[in-house]
Amino acid sequence: MTSSFIPDLFGVFSLVMAGQSESSSGLPRVAIGLAVGLLVDIGLPLSDLLSTPASAESMPFNCMILPGQEVASILMTNSLSADASCIVTCKFQTTKYDNNPQITCAKPVPAGKEVEMCLLTSGGDKMLKLTEGHAECTKQIEPRNRGAQKSPG
């Protein structure tokens, strides 16, 4: 099947759902069955739809105000034993009342590596200190071997 089939799947699901009145309780079984049937038909086993999501783990990070105090460098270390999708958030206090720049950066980080996630500018005000921050990583899950692939025909 072509990749344009996937948006069509969700379009069909939306059309079925749109036909339901607001007073109906829960999702209609027909729409759920249609959606699950189509997902399985395109090669997504039901077990993949119901699997437990990976949990994020806290990671070491450094939200560092650079010389000049108008830019901060956001660093973090993936301390996991595998490559991971990581996210870090830092918020700073500046010399101007009610200007508390915050940034959230996300990208893949190799196992055991420290990387600069992003830079934050203060908008012209001097940054004084970090007021809050946190960083998390979630292991990147390798796709499972889904058995014998169909040969193009």
Foldseek 3Di string as FASTA:
>chain_A
DDPVVVVVLVVVLVVVQVPDDPPDPDDDPVSVVSSQVVCVVVPDDPCNVVDDDFDKDWWDWDFAQDPVQFKTWIKTFAQDPAKWKKKKKWWFDFPDPPQIDMDMFIDIDGHGDMDGRDMDGSVPTGTDDIDDMTMIITHDDDDDDSPDDDDDD
